[in-house]
C-alpha atoms as a PDB file:
ATOM      1  CA  MET A   1      36.199 111.888  82.613  1.00  0.00           C
ATOM      2  CA  SER A   2      36.951 108.813  80.673  1.00  0.00           C
ATOM      3  CA  SER A   3      37.608 105.556  82.388  1.00  0.00           C
ATOM      4  CA  ASN A   4      40.861 105.475  80.438  1.00  0.00           C
ATOM      5  CA  THR A   5      42.042 108.936  81.681  1.00  0.00           C
ATOM      6  CA  PRO A   6      43.281 108.702  85.299  1.00  0.00           C
ATOM      7  CA  SER A   7      42.742 111.781  87.516  1.00  0.00           C
ATOM      8  CA  THR A   8      45.902 113.435  88.753  1.00  0.00           C
ATOM      9  CA  HIS A   9      44.325 114.112  92.030  1.00  0.00           C
ATOM     10  CA  GLY A  10      46.402 117.320  92.104  1.00  0.00           C
ATOM     11  CA  LEU A  11      49.749 115.555  91.849  1.00  0.00           C
ATOM     12  CA  ARG A  12      52.406 118.031  90.668  1.00  0.00           C
ATOM     13  CA  SER A  13      55.839 116.316  90.972  1.00  0.00           C
ATOM     14  CA  ALA A  14      57.823 113.618  92.703  1.00  0.00           C
ATOM     15  CA  ALA A  15      61.146 113.685  94.550  1.00  0.00           C
ATOM     16  CA  PRO A  16      62.862 110.396  95.052  1.00  0.00           C
ATOM     17  CA  VAL A  17      64.567 109.867  98.279  1.00  0.00           C
ATOM     18  CA  LEU A  18      68.108 108.419  97.837  1.00  0.00           C
ATOM     19  CA  SER A  19      70.254 106.742 100.590  1.00  0.00           C
ATOM     20  CA  THR A  20      73.656 107.648 101.915  1.00  0.00           C
ATOM     21  CA  ALA A  21      75.922 107.005 104.803  1.00  0.00           C
ATOM     22  CA  ASP A  22      77.208 110.643 104.720  1.00  0.00           C
ATOM     23  CA  VAL A  23      74.587 113.333 103.949  1.00  0.00           C
ATOM     24  CA  ALA A  24      77.227 116.256 103.902  1.00  0.00           C
ATOM     25  CA  ALA A  25      79.477 114.290 101.381  1.00  0.00           C
ATOM     26  CA  TRP A  26      76.282 113.433  99.277  1.00  0.00           C
ATOM     27  CA  LEU A  27      75.390 117.152  99.253  1.00  0.00           C
ATOM     28  CA  GLU A  28      78.883 118.156  98.295  1.00  0.00           C
ATOM     29  CA  HIS A  29      78.937 115.580  95.410  1.00  0.00           C
ATOM     30  CA  TYR A  30      75.599 116.807  93.951  1.00  0.00           C
ATOM     31  CA  LEU A  31      76.690 120.517  94.334  1.00  0.00           C
ATOM     32  CA  ALA A  32      79.650 119.599  92.196  1.00  0.00           C
ATOM     33  CA  LEU A  33      77.224 118.192  89.669  1.00  0.00           C
ATOM     34  CA  GLY A  34      75.552 121.441  89.420  1.00  0.00           C
ATOM     35  CA  PHE A  35      72.602 120.959  91.747  1.00  0.00           C
ATOM     36  CA  VAL A  36      71.547 123.534  94.248  1.00  0.00           C
ATOM     37  CA  VAL A  37      71.692 121.709  97.642  1.00  0.00           C
ATOM     38  CA  ASP A  38      70.312 122.291 101.188  1.00  0.00           C
ATOM     39  CA  ALA A  39      70.723 120.296 104.368  1.00  0.00           C
ATOM     40  CA  HIS A  40      67.546 119.852 106.523  1.00  0.00           C
ATOM     41  CA  ASP A  41      69.891 118.509 109.273  1.00  0.00           C
ATOM     42  CA  GLU A  42      72.682 116.018 109.353  1.00  0.00           C
ATOM     43  CA  THR A  43      70.207 113.196 108.482  1.00  0.00           C
ATOM     44  CA  TYR A  44      68.307 114.586 105.460  1.00  0.00           C
ATOM     45  CA  GLY A  45      68.971 116.913 102.547  1.00  0.00           C
ATOM     46  CA  PHE A  46      67.858 118.158  99.233  1.00  0.00           C
ATOM     47  CA  ALA A  47      69.278 118.795  95.772  1.00  0.00           C
ATOM     48  CA  SER A  48      67.584 120.452  92.890  1.00  0.00           C
ATOM     49  CA  LEU A  49      68.512 121.238  89.341  1.00  0.00           C
ATOM     50  CA  GLY A  50      65.816 123.000  87.393  1.00  0.00           C
ATOM     51  CA  PRO A  51      62.636 120.931  87.839  1.00  0.00           C
ATOM     52  CA  VAL A  52      64.592 117.942  89.056  1.00  0.00           C
ATOM     53  CA  GLU A  53      64.394 117.442  92.810  1.00  0.00           C
ATOM     54  CA  LEU A  54      66.260 114.700  94.760  1.00  0.00           C
ATOM     55  CA  HIS A  55      66.095 114.119  98.566  1.00  0.00           C
ATOM     56  CA  VAL A  56      68.681 112.158 100.448  1.00  0.00           C
ATOM     57  CA  ALA A  57      68.246 110.384 103.895  1.00  0.00           C
ATOM     58  CA  LEU A  58      70.982 109.103 106.204  1.00  0.00           C
ATOM     59  CA  HIS A  59      71.207 105.399 106.436  1.00  0.00           C
ATOM     60  CA  PRO A  60      74.440 104.655 108.611  1.00  0.00           C
ATOM     61  CA  ASP A  61      74.357 101.075 107.340  1.00  0.00           C
ATOM     62  CA  HIS A  62      74.097 102.110 103.598  1.00  0.00           C
ATOM     63  CA  ASP A  63      75.529  99.525 101.393  1.00  0.00           C
ATOM     64  CA  PRO A  64      75.798 100.440  97.614  1.00  0.00           C
ATOM     65  CA  ARG A  65      75.362  96.826  96.767  1.00  0.00           C
ATOM     66  CA  THR A  66      71.925  96.431  98.332  1.00  0.00           C
ATOM     67  CA  THR A  67      70.477  99.879  99.246  1.00  0.00           C
ATOM     68  CA  ALA A  68      71.303 102.172  96.332  1.00  0.00           C
ATOM     69  CA  ALA A  69      68.425 103.602  94.191  1.00  0.00           C
ATOM     70  CA  ALA A  70      67.981 104.443  90.438  1.00  0.00           C
ATOM     71  CA  VAL A  71      66.345 107.620  89.046  1.00  0.00           C
ATOM     72  CA  PHE A  72      65.735 108.384  85.296  1.00  0.00           C
ATOM     73  CA  VAL A  73      66.067 112.081  84.435  1.00  0.00           C
ATOM     74  CA  HIS A  74      64.701 113.419  81.092  1.00  0.00           C
ATOM     75  CA  VAL A  75      67.197 115.941  79.597  1.00  0.00           C
ATOM     76  CA  ASP A  76      67.423 118.042  76.610  1.00  0.00           C
ATOM     77  CA  ASP A  77      70.892 116.851  75.599  1.00  0.00           C
ATOM     78  CA  ALA A  78      72.219 113.669  77.150  1.00  0.00           C
ATOM     79  CA  ASP A  79      75.680 114.328  75.806  1.00  0.00           C
ATOM     80  CA  ALA A  80      75.811 117.837  77.409  1.00  0.00           C
ATOM     81  CA  VAL A  81      74.952 116.336  80.764  1.00  0.00           C
ATOM     82  CA  TRP A  82      77.474 113.562  80.364  1.00  0.00           C
ATOM     83  CA  ARG A  83      80.172 115.987  79.450  1.00  0.00           C
ATOM     84  CA  ARG A  84      79.337 118.090  82.564  1.00  0.00           C
ATOM     85  CA  TRP A  85      78.852 115.331  85.087  1.00  0.00           C
ATOM     86  CA  SER A  86      81.947 113.255  83.829  1.00  0.00           C
ATOM     87  CA  THR A  87      84.195 116.129  85.155  1.00  0.00           C
ATOM     88  CA  VAL A  88      83.001 115.517  88.745  1.00  0.00           C
ATOM     89  CA  PRO A  89      85.277 113.147  90.776  1.00  0.00           C
ATOM     90  CA  GLY A  90      83.939 110.343  92.896  1.00  0.00           C
ATOM     91  CA  GLY A  91      81.296 109.061  90.611  1.00  0.00           C
ATOM     92  CA  ARG A  92      81.179 106.797  87.659  1.00  0.00           C
ATOM     93  CA  GLU A  93      79.969 107.717  84.272  1.00  0.00           C
ATOM     94  CA  VAL A  94      78.505 105.726  81.330  1.00  0.00           C
ATOM     95  CA  ALA A  95      78.688 107.675  78.106  1.00  0.00           C
ATOM     96  CA  PRO A  96      75.426 108.235  76.232  1.00  0.00           C
ATOM     97  CA  VAL A  97      74.401 105.709  73.533  1.00  0.00           C
ATOM     98  CA  ASP A  98      71.497 105.557  71.224  1.00  0.00           C
ATOM     99  CA  THR A  99      68.966 102.915  72.169  1.00  0.00           C
ATOM    100  CA  ASP A 100      66.552 100.919  70.117  1.00  0.00           C
ATOM    101  CA  TYR A 101      63.706 102.620  72.025  1.00  0.00           C
ATOM    102  CA  GLY A 102      64.592 106.116  70.738  1.00  0.00           C
ATOM    103  CA  ILE A 103      66.455 107.623  73.577  1.00  0.00           C
ATOM    104  CA  ARG A 104      69.997 108.731  73.796  1.00  0.00           C
ATOM    105  CA  GLU A 105      70.901 107.497  77.290  1.00  0.00           C
ATOM    106  CA  GLY A 106      73.835 107.827  79.760  1.00  0.00           C
ATOM    107  CA  ALA A 107      74.314 107.475  83.380  1.00  0.00           C
ATOM    108  CA  HIS A 108      76.107 108.719  86.541  1.00  0.00           C
ATOM    109  CA  VAL A 109      76.662 106.585  89.608  1.00  0.00           C
ATOM    110  CA  ASP A 110      77.198 108.627  92.702  1.00  0.00           C
ATOM    111  CA  PRO A 111      79.731 107.492  95.289  1.00  0.00           C
ATOM    112  CA  ASP A 112      76.909 105.848  97.239  1.00  0.00           C
ATOM    113  CA  GLY A 113      75.849 103.716  94.226  1.00  0.00           C
ATOM    114  CA  ASN A 114      72.779 105.663  93.391  1.00  0.00           C
ATOM    115  CA  LEU A 115      72.179 105.559  89.673  1.00  0.00           C
ATOM    116  CA  LEU A 116      71.052 108.681  87.723  1.00  0.00           C
ATOM    117  CA  ARG A 117      70.183 107.555  84.243  1.00  0.00           C
ATOM    118  CA  HIS A 118      69.683 110.513  81.907  1.00  0.00           C
ATOM    119  CA  GLY A 119      68.240 110.518  78.357  1.00  0.00           C
ATOM    120  CA  SER A 120      67.029 112.732  75.558  1.00  0.00           C
ATOM    121  CA  ARG A 121      64.951 111.787  72.555  1.00  0.00           C
ATOM    122  CA  ILE A 122      67.017 110.942  69.430  1.00  0.00           C
END
């Protein structure tokens, strides 16, 4: 193995853990976005959509101004994702724009302030 080629050590995927003050409401919002959701219990849950997996943990003192997270999701069509997610109440949307780094990128901010940026190659 070349010294410039890092070993994967068997890594296969990552699942960011987002924060919320209400796991049931978070799961309901992500279900409306099109994710398959599952609650482990009232303090932890999961949302998956294709290969994308997100986890959520209860933080009763969650404050979107200081404890929210950001995730970038690679998608085939940023406009299609934006059209779908923009129909879901409770979140905020940023319509996709072409960037100078070759990505058409939009965003969804969930009710807890967690940012899901999504982009596709131009």
